[in-house]
Amino acid sequence: MLRDIKWSPSEKKIAREAFNKAHEREMESIKFSLYEKVAAIKKDKDIWELHNYLSERRDQVDSKYDYRYSVLLNVFARLIMEGFLFEDDLVGLSDEKIAIIDKFCSL
C-alpha cells in the first residue's frame, strides 16, 4: 500500500526538510545527554558506559532514519511519537499522507 503512494516534487522537498530537522533534533538531544553523562564521570568504568551509550544510540539512529518513500510515513509517525518531528514540519504533504501518519501514531 505505502509503495503505491506517489510523491510530488514539492512533497519530496518538504519530506526531506522534515526528515533532516528531526535528525538534527535527535542529534541535539543526544549531544545534551552526552554533556550530562561526561560531567557525571566519576570512575573509569563510567567511560566505558559512555561508550556503550553512544554505540546503542548510534544503532538506534541508524536503524530509525530510513528515507525510502515506501517506509517514510511510518518513520515520520515514529519521529512524531518520539518528539523529534512535529506535524507543522509536514505542512504541504497531501491529506492522504497526513492521515496515514496520524493512523500510525494512533496504533
C-alpha atoms as a PDB file:
ATOM      1  CA  MET A   1       0.000   0.000   0.000  1.00  0.00           C
ATOM      2  CA  LEU A   2       2.637   2.569   1.010  1.00  0.00           C
ATOM      3  CA  ARG A   3       4.742   1.679  -2.016  1.00  0.00           C
ATOM      4  CA  ASP A   4       1.930   2.834  -4.291  1.00  0.00           C
ATOM      5  CA  ILE A   5       1.761   6.326  -2.811  1.00  0.00           C
ATOM      6  CA  LYS A   6       3.047   8.973  -5.181  1.00  0.00           C
ATOM      7  CA  TRP A   7       5.199  11.863  -4.014  1.00  0.00           C
ATOM      8  CA  SER A   8       5.159  15.173  -5.861  1.00  0.00           C
ATOM      9  CA  PRO A   9       8.427  17.098  -6.189  1.00  0.00           C
ATOM     10  CA  SER A  10       7.229  19.643  -3.613  1.00  0.00           C
ATOM     11  CA  GLU A  11       6.260  16.871  -1.185  1.00  0.00           C
ATOM     12  CA  LYS A  12       9.668  15.286  -1.632  1.00  0.00           C
ATOM     13  CA  LYS A  13      11.288  18.594  -0.700  1.00  0.00           C
ATOM     14  CA  ILE A  14       9.043  19.009   2.362  1.00  0.00           C
ATOM     15  CA  ALA A  15       9.722  15.418   3.405  1.00  0.00           C
ATOM     16  CA  ARG A  16      13.491  15.823   3.077  1.00  0.00           C
ATOM     17  CA  GLU A  17      13.461  19.029   5.129  1.00  0.00           C
ATOM     18  CA  ALA A  18      11.286  17.433   7.835  1.00  0.00           C
ATOM     19  CA  PHE A  19      13.474  14.330   7.906  1.00  0.00           C
ATOM     20  CA  ASN A  20      16.610  16.454   8.285  1.00  0.00           C
ATOM     21  CA  LYS A  21      15.025  18.595  11.024  1.00  0.00           C
ATOM     22  CA  ALA A  22      14.054  15.513  13.003  1.00  0.00           C
ATOM     23  CA  HIS A  23      17.532  14.046  12.646  1.00  0.00           C
ATOM     24  CA  GLU A  24      19.088  17.318  13.779  1.00  0.00           C
ATOM     25  CA  ARG A  25      16.754  17.497  16.785  1.00  0.00           C
ATOM     26  CA  GLU A  26      17.588  13.956  17.802  1.00  0.00           C
ATOM     27  CA  MET A  27      21.313  14.572  17.442  1.00  0.00           C
ATOM     28  CA  GLU A  28      20.973  17.696  19.618  1.00  0.00           C
ATOM     29  CA  SER A  29      19.172  15.578  22.206  1.00  0.00           C
ATOM     30  CA  ILE A  30      21.993  13.045  22.157  1.00  0.00           C
ATOM     31  CA  LYS A  31      24.590  15.817  22.498  1.00  0.00           C
ATOM     32  CA  PHE A  32      22.780  17.277  25.505  1.00  0.00           C
ATOM     33  CA  SER A  33      22.590  13.865  27.132  1.00  0.00           C
ATOM     34  CA  LEU A  34      26.238  13.265  26.325  1.00  0.00           C
ATOM     35  CA  TYR A  35      27.306  16.507  28.026  1.00  0.00           C
ATOM     36  CA  GLU A  36      25.437  15.439  31.159  1.00  0.00           C
ATOM     37  CA  LYS A  37      26.986  11.987  31.094  1.00  0.00           C
ATOM     38  CA  VAL A  38      30.505  13.332  30.588  1.00  0.00           C
ATOM     39  CA  ALA A  39      30.063  15.737  33.507  1.00  0.00           C
ATOM     40  CA  ALA A  40      28.940  12.825  35.684  1.00  0.00           C
ATOM     41  CA  ILE A  41      32.002  10.648  35.020  1.00  0.00           C
ATOM     42  CA  LYS A  42      33.483   9.630  38.365  1.00  0.00           C
ATOM     43  CA  LYS A  43      35.077   6.251  37.742  1.00  0.00           C
ATOM     44  CA  ASP A  44      36.989   4.628  34.918  1.00  0.00           C
ATOM     45  CA  LYS A  45      34.082   2.304  34.211  1.00  0.00           C
ATOM     46  CA  ASP A  46      31.906   5.347  33.516  1.00  0.00           C
ATOM     47  CA  ILE A  47      33.964   5.961  30.381  1.00  0.00           C
ATOM     48  CA  TRP A  48      33.038   2.536  29.000  1.00  0.00           C
ATOM     49  CA  GLU A  49      29.403   3.076  29.944  1.00  0.00           C
ATOM     50  CA  LEU A  50      29.550   6.275  27.914  1.00  0.00           C
ATOM     51  CA  HIS A  51      30.964   4.300  25.005  1.00  0.00           C
ATOM     52  CA  ASN A  52      28.146   1.767  25.321  1.00  0.00           C
ATOM     53  CA  TYR A  53      25.559   4.556  25.426  1.00  0.00           C
ATOM     54  CA  LEU A  54      26.925   6.109  22.238  1.00  0.00           C
ATOM     55  CA  SER A  55      27.080   2.764  20.449  1.00  0.00           C
ATOM     56  CA  GLU A  56      23.494   1.989  21.400  1.00  0.00           C
ATOM     57  CA  ARG A  57      22.241   5.410  20.322  1.00  0.00           C
ATOM     58  CA  ARG A  58      24.103   5.165  17.024  1.00  0.00           C
ATOM     59  CA  ASP A  59      22.465   1.819  16.284  1.00  0.00           C
ATOM     60  CA  GLN A  60      19.050   3.260  17.147  1.00  0.00           C
ATOM     61  CA  VAL A  61      19.512   6.350  14.990  1.00  0.00           C
ATOM     62  CA  ASP A  62      20.971   4.409  12.058  1.00  0.00           C
ATOM     63  CA  SER A  63      18.071   1.963  12.049  1.00  0.00           C
ATOM     64  CA  LYS A  64      15.392   4.620  12.504  1.00  0.00           C
ATOM     65  CA  TYR A  65      16.289   7.183   9.847  1.00  0.00           C
ATOM     66  CA  ASP A  66      15.298   5.390   6.662  1.00  0.00           C
ATOM     67  CA  TYR A  67      14.462   7.735   3.796  1.00  0.00           C
ATOM     68  CA  ARG A  68      12.869   5.226   1.444  1.00  0.00           C
ATOM     69  CA  TYR A  69       9.486   6.572   0.361  1.00  0.00           C
ATOM     70  CA  SER A  70       7.938   3.149   0.956  1.00  0.00           C
ATOM     71  CA  VAL A  71       8.561   3.479   4.721  1.00  0.00           C
ATOM     72  CA  LEU A  72       8.855   7.236   5.182  1.00  0.00           C
ATOM     73  CA  LEU A  73       5.332   7.807   6.504  1.00  0.00           C
ATOM     74  CA  ASN A  74       5.936   5.186   9.171  1.00  0.00           C
ATOM     75  CA  VAL A  75       9.275   6.815  10.008  1.00  0.00           C
ATOM     76  CA  PHE A  76       7.535  10.189  10.322  1.00  0.00           C
ATOM     77  CA  ALA A  77       4.913   8.727  12.655  1.00  0.00           C
ATOM     78  CA  ARG A  78       7.610   7.248  14.887  1.00  0.00           C
ATOM     79  CA  LEU A  79       9.519  10.523  14.945  1.00  0.00           C
ATOM     80  CA  ILE A  80       6.352  12.402  15.906  1.00  0.00           C
ATOM     81  CA  MET A  81       5.646   9.960  18.715  1.00  0.00           C
ATOM     82  CA  GLU A  82       9.225  10.322  19.960  1.00  0.00           C
ATOM     83  CA  GLY A  83       9.008  14.126  19.847  1.00  0.00           C
ATOM     84  CA  PHE A  84      11.640  14.764  17.164  1.00  0.00           C
ATOM     85  CA  LEU A  85       9.160  15.729  14.440  1.00  0.00           C
ATOM     86  CA  PHE A  86       6.075  17.929  14.593  1.00  0.00           C
ATOM     87  CA  GLU A  87       3.028  17.992  12.359  1.00  0.00           C
ATOM     88  CA  ASP A  88       3.891  21.588  11.473  1.00  0.00           C
ATOM     89  CA  ASP A  89       7.066  20.229   9.851  1.00  0.00           C
ATOM     90  CA  LEU A  90       4.869  18.272   7.435  1.00  0.00           C
ATOM     91  CA  VAL A  91       2.644  21.110   6.212  1.00  0.00           C
ATOM     92  CA  GLY A  92       2.309  20.729   2.459  1.00  0.00           C
ATOM     93  CA  LEU A  93       2.060  16.949   2.373  1.00  0.00           C
ATOM     94  CA  SER A  94      -1.189  15.602   0.993  1.00  0.00           C
ATOM     95  CA  ASP A  95      -4.146  14.955   3.289  1.00  0.00           C
ATOM     96  CA  GLU A  96      -3.786  11.265   2.439  1.00  0.00           C
ATOM     97  CA  LYS A  97      -0.203  11.161   3.717  1.00  0.00           C
ATOM     98  CA  ILE A  98      -1.070  13.087   6.877  1.00  0.00           C
ATOM     99  CA  ALA A  99      -3.971  10.707   7.540  1.00  0.00           C
ATOM    100  CA  ILE A 100      -1.674   7.699   7.196  1.00  0.00           C
ATOM    101  CA  ILE A 101       0.860   9.257   9.584  1.00  0.00           C
ATOM    102  CA  ASP A 102      -1.948  10.016  12.064  1.00  0.00           C
ATOM    103  CA  LYS A 103      -3.149   6.422  11.801  1.00  0.00           C
ATOM    104  CA  PHE A 104       0.334   5.077  12.534  1.00  0.00           C
ATOM    105  CA  CYS A 105       0.579   7.436  15.518  1.00  0.00           C
ATOM    106  CA  SER A 106      -2.651   6.092  16.973  1.00  0.00           C
ATOM    107  CA  LEU A 107      -1.659   2.424  16.780  1.00  0.00           C
END
